[in-house]
């Protein structure tokens, strides 16, 4: 087991308790917590890795560090379960997932149903719970909680440590290119405590999603899979398209401008219909549909932030290189 976290408090305690007796070895990776996370992890018997705060923290970096410690301590490990410190592993999951990897050597990653611990506490928790409900069968990617085949993970080179979000789909892309498959199996996997109680938390989460789309497209969008391009285009079109169309039409036809803004209702209706078909209540479906529409605006912010940061860094690098060449001359 590799558990990652930062200031998770009681959630980390619950996570480590859920692993008791389930795994042969537990490694906890801490990203400079200011609470008692490190002490509590050591008290539970976990091997603790404290990341150097001088290097930027990412979940990918933390998982790689935990994996390396785990393999150093137990070189014979065949499967590793990655789990976030705000999750509890459900009883029976590891046995069921390990059986899947044993029986299907072509599968590199097994993931199951992640559920929210308190979906009733806020609409944002409910949104996350619906989002985790992905189809069973072959999948394109997994989330942060998954059982992975050690050999395949090493062959792929692990997670890309510089990615601030979207590191799991990017790793799964490389695994699929190597001929492996990702399996979403019909089993309860983890119980997640998002503690997402405010709109600002929801917005920041969606901004990170947009940033991940943009970086994925930047890194792999020109390759045959066009990785990241489709969600990036979707965010840009649905967020920017209707208001831009309304502005262009407003001087000529005010009614048409309002119709352009009404395009968001098309997305709202489509998501609502699909969510209802999956068995969710009208209220839950409406909440999720509204979140998807509003989330597009936040995702566009993340896309623009990535583009801005990438452009600023590129110009700064060119300026430094130019001045360096001028000084040496």
Protein backbone atom coordinates (compact mmCIF):
# COMPACT_ATOMS: atom_id res chain seq x y z
CA UNK A 1 0.00 0.00 0.00
CA UNK A 2 1.16 3.53 -0.78
CA UNK A 3 -0.84 6.26 0.98
CA UNK A 4 -0.26 9.94 0.24
CA UNK A 5 -1.51 12.93 2.17
CA UNK A 6 -1.12 16.39 3.61
CA UNK A 7 -2.90 17.59 6.75
CA UNK A 8 -5.58 14.91 6.44
CA UNK A 9 -6.16 14.70 10.21
CA UNK A 10 -8.75 12.12 11.27
CA UNK A 11 -9.27 11.12 7.64
CA UNK A 12 -5.73 9.72 7.56
CA UNK A 13 -6.34 7.81 10.79
CA UNK A 14 -9.44 6.22 9.27
CA UNK A 15 -7.50 5.43 6.09
CA UNK A 16 -4.69 3.65 7.95
CA UNK A 17 -7.16 1.80 10.16
CA UNK A 18 -8.93 0.47 7.06
CA UNK A 19 -5.63 -1.05 5.87
CA UNK A 20 -4.88 -2.91 9.08
CA UNK A 21 -4.52 -6.59 8.23
CA UNK A 22 -5.15 -5.94 4.53
CA UNK A 23 -1.62 -5.25 3.26
CA UNK A 24 1.82 -6.72 3.92
CA UNK A 25 3.47 -3.32 3.92
CA UNK A 26 2.18 0.26 4.14
CA UNK A 27 4.16 3.33 3.07
CA UNK A 28 2.82 6.77 3.92
CA UNK A 29 4.17 9.77 1.96
CA UNK A 30 3.70 13.16 3.59
CA UNK A 31 3.80 16.49 1.75
CA UNK A 32 4.93 18.77 4.58
CA UNK A 33 1.92 18.40 6.89
CA UNK A 34 1.62 20.85 9.76
CA UNK A 35 -0.63 18.54 11.78
CA UNK A 36 0.23 15.23 13.44
CA UNK A 37 -0.05 13.17 10.26
CA UNK A 38 3.54 11.91 10.33
CA UNK A 39 3.39 10.89 13.99
CA UNK A 40 0.04 9.15 13.52
CA UNK A 41 1.31 7.26 10.48
CA UNK A 42 4.40 6.06 12.33
CA UNK A 43 2.27 5.04 15.32
CA UNK A 44 0.17 2.90 12.97
CA UNK A 45 3.26 1.01 11.84
CA UNK A 46 3.56 2.58 8.40
CA UNK A 47 6.91 3.36 6.83
CA UNK A 48 6.97 7.16 6.41
CA UNK A 49 8.50 9.23 3.61
CA UNK A 50 8.67 12.99 4.20
CA UNK A 51 9.06 14.87 0.93
CA UNK A 52 11.60 17.65 0.59
CA UNK A 53 9.59 20.92 0.70
CA UNK A 54 12.15 22.63 -1.56
CA UNK A 55 10.76 20.66 -4.51
CA UNK A 56 7.17 21.40 -5.65
CA UNK A 57 4.63 18.97 -4.25
CA UNK A 58 2.46 16.91 -6.57
CA UNK A 59 0.43 13.78 -5.98
CA UNK A 60 2.43 12.09 -8.75
CA UNK A 61 5.73 12.87 -7.05
CA UNK A 62 4.40 11.57 -3.73
CA UNK A 63 3.16 8.30 -5.24
CA UNK A 64 6.47 7.71 -7.01
CA UNK A 65 8.38 8.31 -3.79
CA UNK A 66 6.13 5.88 -1.92
CA UNK A 67 6.54 3.27 -4.63
CA UNK A 68 10.33 3.52 -4.52
CA UNK A 69 10.37 3.13 -0.73
CA UNK A 70 8.01 0.18 -0.95
CA UNK A 71 10.12 -1.64 -3.55
CA UNK A 72 13.30 -0.91 -1.61
CA UNK A 73 11.80 -2.53 1.48
CA UNK A 74 9.88 -5.32 -0.32
CA UNK A 75 11.51 -6.03 -3.73
CA UNK A 76 9.26 -9.06 -4.27
CA UNK A 77 6.06 -6.97 -4.32
CA UNK A 78 3.83 -7.85 -7.29
CA UNK A 79 0.91 -5.45 -6.79
CA UNK A 80 0.73 -2.01 -5.20
CA UNK A 81 -2.44 -0.26 -4.09
CA UNK A 82 -2.27 3.53 -4.31
CA UNK A 83 -4.75 5.36 -2.11
CA UNK A 84 -5.23 8.97 -1.06
CA UNK A 85 -5.12 9.75 2.63
CA UNK A 86 -8.72 11.00 2.64
CA UNK A 87 -10.01 7.56 1.59
CA UNK A 88 -10.78 4.28 3.32
CA UNK A 89 -10.24 1.00 1.50
CA UNK A 90 -13.35 -1.17 1.59
CA UNK A 91 -13.14 -4.66 3.02
CA UNK A 92 -12.69 -7.27 0.30
CA UNK A 93 -11.45 -4.87 -2.36
CA UNK A 94 -7.79 -5.91 -2.32
CA UNK A 95 -8.58 -9.61 -2.57
CA UNK A 96 -11.04 -9.07 -5.41
CA UNK A 97 -8.73 -6.72 -7.35
CA UNK A 98 -5.65 -8.93 -6.86
CA UNK A 99 -7.64 -11.87 -8.21
CA UNK A 100 -8.43 -9.80 -11.31
CA UNK A 101 -4.75 -9.05 -11.91
CA UNK A 102 -3.81 -12.69 -11.24
CA UNK A 103 -6.31 -14.01 -13.76
CA UNK A 104 -5.72 -11.35 -16.42
CA UNK A 105 -2.00 -10.77 -17.06
CA UNK A 106 -2.81 -8.14 -19.70
CA UNK A 107 -4.40 -5.90 -17.05
CA UNK A 108 -2.02 -3.39 -15.46
CA UNK A 109 -4.55 -1.49 -13.35
CA UNK A 110 -7.68 -2.54 -11.50
CA UNK A 111 -10.02 0.09 -10.12
CA UNK A 112 -13.50 -0.10 -8.61
CA UNK A 113 -16.28 2.08 -7.24
CA UNK A 114 -15.14 5.04 -5.19
CA UNK A 115 -17.95 6.54 -3.11
CA UNK A 116 -18.31 9.71 -1.14
CA UNK A 117 -18.53 9.17 2.62
CA UNK A 118 -21.00 12.01 3.19
CA UNK A 119 -22.81 12.76 -0.10
CA UNK A 120 -25.74 14.28 1.80
CA UNK A 121 -23.66 16.99 3.48
CA UNK A 122 -23.42 19.23 0.44
CA UNK A 123 -24.38 19.31 -3.25
CA UNK A 124 -20.67 19.35 -4.05
CA UNK A 125 -20.09 16.05 -2.27
CA UNK A 126 -23.07 14.62 -4.16
CA UNK A 127 -21.58 15.83 -7.45
CA UNK A 128 -18.30 14.07 -6.67
CA UNK A 129 -20.11 10.84 -5.77
CA UNK A 130 -21.89 10.80 -9.14
CA UNK A 131 -18.65 11.64 -10.92
CA UNK A 132 -16.93 8.59 -9.38
CA UNK A 133 -19.63 6.31 -10.80
CA UNK A 134 -17.87 5.25 -14.00
CA UNK A 135 -18.83 2.31 -16.28
CA UNK A 136 -17.63 -1.21 -15.52
CA UNK A 137 -15.32 -2.87 -18.06
CA UNK A 138 -12.28 -1.76 -20.03
CA UNK A 139 -11.45 1.85 -19.17
CA UNK A 140 -9.20 4.53 -20.56
CA UNK A 141 -7.89 5.53 -17.16
CA UNK A 142 -8.22 5.23 -13.41
CA UNK A 143 -8.27 7.68 -10.52
CA UNK A 144 -5.90 8.13 -7.59
CA UNK A 145 -7.10 4.91 -5.93
CA UNK A 146 -6.13 1.79 -7.88
CA UNK A 147 -4.31 -1.52 -7.65
CA UNK A 148 -1.41 -1.64 -10.09
CA UNK A 149 0.88 -4.34 -11.38
CA UNK A 150 4.41 -3.46 -10.23
CA UNK A 151 6.09 -4.75 -13.40
CA UNK A 152 3.86 -2.67 -15.65
CA UNK A 153 4.21 0.42 -13.46
CA UNK A 154 8.00 0.20 -13.66
CA UNK A 155 7.98 -0.44 -17.41
CA UNK A 156 5.89 2.70 -17.93
CA UNK A 157 8.23 4.79 -15.77
CA UNK A 158 5.69 5.56 -13.06
CA UNK A 159 3.76 8.79 -12.73
CA UNK A 160 4.96 11.99 -14.39
CA UNK A 161 6.07 13.91 -11.26
CA UNK A 162 5.73 17.40 -12.74
CA UNK A 163 2.00 17.10 -13.47
CA UNK A 164 -0.07 19.00 -10.91
CA UNK A 165 -3.23 17.15 -11.94
CA UNK A 166 -4.32 14.44 -14.37
CA UNK A 167 -1.32 12.23 -13.64
CA UNK A 168 -3.39 9.02 -13.58
CA UNK A 169 -4.87 9.31 -17.12
CA UNK A 170 -1.41 10.23 -18.44
CA UNK A 171 0.14 7.12 -16.88
CA UNK A 172 -2.72 4.97 -18.18
CA UNK A 173 -2.11 6.34 -21.67
CA UNK A 174 1.48 5.08 -21.53
CA UNK A 175 0.38 1.73 -20.10
CA UNK A 176 -2.17 1.24 -22.89
CA UNK A 177 0.46 2.11 -25.47
CA UNK A 178 2.62 -0.65 -23.98
CA UNK A 179 -0.19 -3.13 -24.59
CA UNK A 180 -1.72 -3.24 -21.11
CA UNK A 181 -5.38 -2.75 -20.23
CA UNK A 182 -7.15 -0.80 -17.50
CA UNK A 183 -10.05 -2.63 -15.83
CA UNK A 184 -12.91 -1.04 -13.93
CA UNK A 185 -14.34 -3.96 -11.97
CA UNK A 186 -17.74 -4.25 -10.21
CA UNK A 187 -16.56 -3.94 -6.63
CA UNK A 188 -16.66 -1.32 -3.89
CA UNK A 189 -13.12 0.08 -3.68
CA UNK A 190 -12.80 3.13 -1.44
CA UNK A 191 -14.83 5.53 0.65
CA UNK A 192 -13.73 9.11 -0.02
CA UNK A 193 -14.23 12.14 2.19
CA UNK A 194 -14.11 15.16 -0.12
CA UNK A 195 -15.31 17.54 2.61
CA UNK A 196 -16.34 19.85 -0.25
CA UNK A 197 -18.77 22.18 1.50
CA UNK A 198 -18.28 25.49 -0.30
CA UNK A 199 -18.68 26.66 -3.89
CA UNK A 200 -15.09 27.96 -3.88
CA UNK A 201 -13.82 24.40 -3.28
CA UNK A 202 -15.86 23.10 -6.18
CA UNK A 203 -14.61 25.91 -8.42
CA UNK A 204 -10.93 25.32 -7.56
CA UNK A 205 -11.35 21.62 -8.25
CA UNK A 206 -12.81 22.33 -11.69
CA UNK A 207 -10.03 24.83 -12.46
CA UNK A 208 -7.48 22.08 -11.74
CA UNK A 209 -9.39 19.81 -14.11
CA UNK A 210 -9.17 22.37 -16.91
CA UNK A 211 -5.46 22.85 -16.24
CA UNK A 212 -5.00 19.06 -16.50
CA UNK A 213 -6.87 18.98 -19.85
CA UNK A 214 -4.67 21.73 -21.24
CA UNK A 215 -1.43 20.14 -20.09
CA UNK A 216 -2.47 16.73 -21.40
CA UNK A 217 -3.24 18.22 -24.82
CA UNK A 218 0.02 20.20 -24.76
CA UNK A 219 2.08 17.09 -24.03
CA UNK A 220 0.24 14.48 -26.11
CA UNK A 221 -2.35 16.24 -28.27
CA UNK A 222 -0.34 15.91 -31.47
CA UNK A 223 0.08 12.16 -31.03
CA UNK A 224 -2.27 9.60 -32.68
CA UNK A 225 -4.53 9.30 -29.60
CA UNK A 226 -5.07 13.08 -29.51
CA UNK A 227 -4.92 12.70 -25.74
CA UNK A 228 -6.58 15.55 -23.86
CA UNK A 229 -7.79 17.33 -26.99
CA UNK A 230 -11.46 16.36 -26.82
CA UNK A 231 -12.11 17.48 -23.20
CA UNK A 232 -10.05 20.62 -23.83
CA UNK A 233 -12.17 21.53 -26.87
CA UNK A 234 -15.35 20.71 -24.95
CA UNK A 235 -14.39 23.05 -22.11
CA UNK A 236 -13.46 25.86 -24.50
CA UNK A 237 -16.52 25.52 -26.75
CA UNK A 238 -19.14 25.23 -24.00
CA UNK A 239 -17.61 27.87 -21.75
CA UNK A 240 -16.63 30.50 -24.30
CA UNK A 241 -18.86 29.73 -27.29
CA UNK A 242 -22.30 30.89 -26.05
CA UNK A 243 -21.18 34.22 -24.49
CA UNK A 244 -18.99 35.07 -27.49
CA UNK A 245 -21.86 34.30 -29.87
CA UNK A 246 -24.19 36.45 -27.75
CA UNK A 247 -21.77 39.40 -27.86
CA UNK A 248 -21.41 39.14 -31.62
CA UNK A 249 -25.17 38.93 -32.17
CA UNK A 250 -26.23 41.55 -29.65
CA UNK A 251 -25.72 44.63 -31.90
CA UNK A 252 -27.79 43.02 -34.67
CA UNK A 253 -30.39 40.83 -32.99
CA UNK A 254 -30.89 40.94 -29.26
CA UNK A 255 -33.21 37.93 -29.29
CA UNK A 256 -30.66 35.84 -31.11
CA UNK A 257 -28.08 36.82 -28.52
CA UNK A 258 -30.24 35.41 -25.74
CA UNK A 259 -30.77 32.27 -27.81
CA UNK A 260 -26.99 31.87 -28.03
CA UNK A 261 -26.75 31.96 -24.24
CA UNK A 262 -29.56 29.41 -24.18
CA UNK A 263 -27.16 26.91 -25.74
CA UNK A 264 -26.09 26.10 -22.18
CA UNK A 265 -29.57 24.64 -21.64
CA UNK A 266 -28.77 22.04 -24.32
CA UNK A 267 -25.80 20.79 -22.30
CA UNK A 268 -27.85 20.96 -19.12
CA UNK A 269 -30.65 18.86 -20.63
CA UNK A 270 -28.26 16.32 -22.12
CA UNK A 271 -26.37 15.71 -18.86
CA UNK A 272 -29.63 15.57 -16.89
CA UNK A 273 -31.06 12.96 -19.27
CA UNK A 274 -27.95 10.77 -19.14
CA UNK A 275 -27.73 10.98 -15.34
CA UNK A 276 -31.38 10.05 -14.91
CA UNK A 277 -30.83 7.03 -17.18
CA UNK A 278 -28.14 5.86 -14.76
CA UNK A 279 -30.76 5.67 -12.03
CA UNK A 280 -30.20 8.89 -10.11
CA UNK A 281 -33.07 10.95 -8.70
CA UNK A 282 -34.33 14.05 -10.53
CA UNK A 283 -32.81 16.30 -7.87
CA UNK A 284 -29.40 14.62 -7.97
CA UNK A 285 -29.46 14.61 -11.77
CA UNK A 286 -30.32 18.31 -11.93
CA UNK A 287 -27.59 19.18 -9.45
CA UNK A 288 -25.01 17.22 -11.40
CA UNK A 289 -26.12 18.72 -14.72
CA UNK A 290 -25.87 22.27 -13.35
CA UNK A 291 -22.42 21.50 -11.97
CA UNK A 292 -21.26 20.28 -15.36
CA UNK A 293 -22.37 23.52 -17.01
CA UNK A 294 -20.85 25.80 -14.37
CA UNK A 295 -17.77 23.59 -14.23
CA UNK A 296 -17.05 24.31 -17.90
CA UNK A 297 -16.44 27.97 -16.99
CA UNK A 298 -13.99 26.99 -14.24
CA UNK A 299 -12.29 24.51 -16.54
CA UNK A 300 -11.77 27.28 -19.11
CA UNK A 301 -10.10 29.34 -16.38
CA UNK A 302 -7.72 26.43 -15.79
CA UNK A 303 -7.01 26.15 -19.51
CA UNK A 304 -6.24 29.87 -19.74
CA UNK A 305 -4.05 29.73 -16.64
CA UNK A 306 -2.01 26.94 -18.19
CA UNK A 307 -1.67 28.84 -21.46
CA UNK A 308 -0.65 32.01 -19.66
CA UNK A 309 1.89 30.29 -17.42
CA UNK A 310 3.34 28.35 -20.32
CA UNK A 311 3.68 31.51 -22.41
CA UNK A 312 5.22 33.57 -19.59
CA UNK A 313 7.74 30.84 -18.75
CA UNK A 314 8.67 30.42 -22.38
CA UNK A 315 9.25 34.16 -22.84
CA UNK A 316 11.23 34.33 -19.60
CA UNK A 317 13.40 31.40 -20.67
CA UNK A 318 14.11 32.99 -24.03
CA UNK A 319 14.99 36.29 -22.35
CA UNK A 320 17.39 34.56 -19.95
CA UNK A 321 19.00 32.62 -22.78
CA UNK A 322 19.34 35.82 -24.83
CA UNK A 323 20.91 37.78 -21.98
CA UNK A 324 23.17 34.85 -21.12
CA UNK A 325 24.43 34.68 -24.69
CA UNK A 326 24.91 38.46 -24.76
CA UNK A 327 26.88 38.41 -21.48
CA UNK A 328 29.15 35.60 -22.59
CA UNK A 329 29.85 37.49 -25.82
